[in-house]
Amino acid sequence: MKHFLISILGFGALICASGFVSAKLPALSDDAKAKAAEAAAKAAWNSKVDGYQLCRAQEKIAVSYLQKVKATGGPMGVPTATPPCTDPGVFSYAAVEEVKPAEATKPIEAAGAHSPATTAASPPNGKQSDAVVNPAKKP
């Protein structure tokens, strides 16, 4: 019974601690996004190269098999037509950057950073209640 309670308490402590660990990660920088896009392009290219190498190996095995069948005089079926192997070529990644229009620098007045019209006559926290300062309008 004692081991059961200890394991339940340990599990509860683990669940409580996991709340602290599950913090939100910061957003990726532009450099990290570019590296991730390049890594994805490289992975796609590697997949194409693997497919090309597999296709070449299958062609080589098929040719070898057909030569053995012809040499032994066995029954030869009709070969299945397959698409030709296409070489993906050398990997090249050209980063496509979005062209953003140049933003003109706005003057302070156009940016909405105006100073107050008048200087405050009294501090914002007075002894008067809000009902006295801002009376409600009656319909």
Protein backbone atom coordinates (compact mmCIF):
# COMPACT_ATOMS: atom_id res chain seq x y z
CA MET A 1 0.00 0.00 0.00
CA LYS A 2 2.87 2.31 0.86
CA HIS A 3 4.47 1.82 -2.57
CA PHE A 4 1.13 2.51 -4.25
CA LEU A 5 0.74 5.85 -2.45
CA ILE A 6 4.32 6.83 -3.24
CA SER A 7 3.81 6.05 -6.93
CA ILE A 8 0.53 8.04 -7.02
CA LEU A 9 2.21 11.02 -5.34
CA GLY A 10 5.16 10.78 -7.73
CA PHE A 11 2.82 10.68 -10.71
CA GLY A 12 0.92 13.70 -9.39
CA ALA A 13 4.16 15.63 -8.90
CA LEU A 14 5.21 14.73 -12.44
CA ILE A 15 1.94 16.05 -13.86
CA CYS A 16 2.29 19.30 -11.88
CA ALA A 17 5.86 19.78 -13.09
CA SER A 18 4.86 19.21 -16.71
CA GLY A 19 2.75 22.37 -16.59
CA PHE A 20 5.89 24.42 -16.00
CA VAL A 21 7.76 22.72 -18.82
CA SER A 22 5.10 23.29 -21.48
CA ALA A 23 5.98 26.91 -22.21
CA LYS A 24 5.40 28.50 -25.58
CA LEU A 25 8.47 28.64 -27.81
CA PRO A 26 9.42 31.91 -29.51
CA ALA A 27 8.65 32.39 -33.20
CA LEU A 28 11.31 31.32 -35.71
CA SER A 29 13.60 33.96 -37.14
CA ASP A 30 13.83 34.55 -40.88
CA ASP A 31 17.20 32.77 -41.00
CA ALA A 32 15.75 29.71 -39.27
CA LYS A 33 12.79 29.69 -41.67
CA ALA A 34 15.16 29.89 -44.65
CA LYS A 35 17.28 27.03 -43.31
CA ALA A 36 14.16 24.94 -42.73
CA ALA A 37 12.95 25.61 -46.28
CA GLU A 38 16.36 24.64 -47.67
CA ALA A 39 16.40 21.46 -45.56
CA ALA A 40 12.94 20.55 -46.86
CA ALA A 41 14.08 21.13 -50.46
CA LYS A 42 17.20 19.03 -49.85
CA ALA A 43 15.09 16.21 -48.36
CA ALA A 44 12.77 16.26 -51.38
CA TRP A 45 15.76 16.13 -53.73
CA ASN A 46 17.28 13.23 -51.75
CA SER A 47 13.97 11.40 -52.11
CA LYS A 48 14.10 11.89 -55.89
CA VAL A 49 17.73 10.67 -56.01
CA ASP A 50 16.76 7.57 -54.00
CA GLY A 51 13.90 6.88 -56.42
CA TYR A 52 16.23 7.29 -59.40
CA GLN A 53 18.81 4.92 -57.93
CA LEU A 54 16.09 2.36 -57.17
CA CYS A 55 14.77 2.63 -60.72
CA ARG A 56 18.27 2.08 -62.15
CA ALA A 57 18.83 -0.96 -59.91
CA GLN A 58 15.48 -2.44 -60.95
CA GLU A 59 16.33 -1.95 -64.63
CA LYS A 60 19.67 -3.67 -64.14
CA ILE A 61 18.04 -6.65 -62.40
CA ALA A 62 15.35 -6.90 -65.08
CA VAL A 63 17.95 -6.94 -67.88
CA SER A 64 19.97 -9.58 -66.04
CA TYR A 65 16.86 -11.73 -65.49
CA LEU A 66 15.77 -11.49 -69.15
CA GLN A 67 19.28 -12.50 -70.31
CA LYS A 68 19.21 -15.58 -68.04
CA VAL A 69 15.74 -16.58 -69.26
CA LYS A 70 16.83 -16.25 -72.91
CA ALA A 71 20.01 -18.24 -72.24
CA THR A 72 18.14 -21.12 -70.57
CA GLY A 73 15.32 -21.08 -73.10
CA GLY A 74 12.63 -20.79 -70.45
CA PRO A 75 9.20 -19.22 -70.95
CA MET A 76 9.53 -15.49 -71.32
CA GLY A 77 6.58 -13.29 -70.42
CA VAL A 78 5.78 -9.91 -71.88
CA PRO A 79 7.76 -7.21 -70.07
CA THR A 80 5.66 -4.56 -68.36
CA ALA A 81 6.10 -1.07 -69.77
CA THR A 82 7.44 1.30 -67.14
CA PRO A 83 8.26 4.98 -67.34
CA PRO A 84 11.93 5.77 -67.92
CA CYS A 85 14.14 6.67 -64.98
CA THR A 86 14.61 10.43 -64.69
CA ASP A 87 17.80 11.79 -63.19
CA PRO A 88 17.01 14.62 -60.71
CA GLY A 89 20.35 16.27 -61.46
CA VAL A 90 22.54 18.20 -59.05
CA PHE A 91 20.91 19.81 -56.02
CA SER A 92 20.56 23.55 -56.31
CA TYR A 93 18.49 25.69 -54.00
CA ALA A 94 17.59 29.20 -54.93
CA ALA A 95 15.93 30.96 -52.03
CA VAL A 96 12.81 32.76 -53.15
CA GLU A 97 12.49 35.91 -51.15
CA GLU A 98 9.34 37.94 -51.04
CA VAL A 99 9.78 41.42 -52.39
CA LYS A 100 8.28 43.85 -49.91
CA PRO A 101 7.57 47.41 -50.90
CA ALA A 102 9.77 49.91 -49.16
CA GLU A 103 7.83 51.57 -46.39
CA ALA A 104 8.23 55.29 -46.25
CA THR A 105 9.17 56.64 -42.85
CA LYS A 106 6.23 58.56 -41.47
CA PRO A 107 6.79 61.75 -39.55
CA ILE A 108 5.86 61.59 -35.89
CA GLU A 109 2.67 63.58 -36.39
CA ALA A 110 1.43 61.23 -39.13
CA ALA A 111 2.31 58.20 -37.04
CA GLY A 112 -0.30 59.16 -34.43
CA ALA A 113 2.11 60.07 -31.63
CA HIS A 114 0.51 63.36 -30.66
CA SER A 115 1.03 65.09 -27.38
CA PRO A 116 -2.02 65.92 -25.27
CA ALA A 117 -3.86 69.12 -26.16
CA THR A 118 -3.64 70.64 -22.69
CA THR A 119 -1.59 70.07 -19.60
CA ALA A 120 -3.41 68.31 -16.79
CA ALA A 121 -4.65 70.67 -14.07
CA SER A 122 -4.94 68.03 -11.38
CA PRO A 123 -3.53 64.58 -10.77
CA PRO A 124 -5.50 61.72 -12.27
CA ASN A 125 -6.32 60.30 -8.84
CA GLY A 126 -8.42 62.70 -6.81
CA LYS A 127 -10.70 62.29 -3.84
CA GLN A 128 -13.82 62.64 -5.96
CA SER A 129 -15.68 59.47 -6.93
CA ASP A 130 -16.10 58.43 -10.51
CA ALA A 131 -19.84 59.14 -10.35
CA VAL A 132 -19.13 62.80 -9.61
CA VAL A 133 -16.42 63.18 -12.27
CA ASN A 134 -18.31 61.23 -14.99
CA PRO A 135 -22.04 61.53 -14.34
CA ALA A 136 -24.18 59.06 -16.23
CA LYS A 137 -26.45 60.54 -18.88
CA LYS A 138 -30.13 59.98 -18.25
CA PRO A 139 -32.28 59.02 -21.21
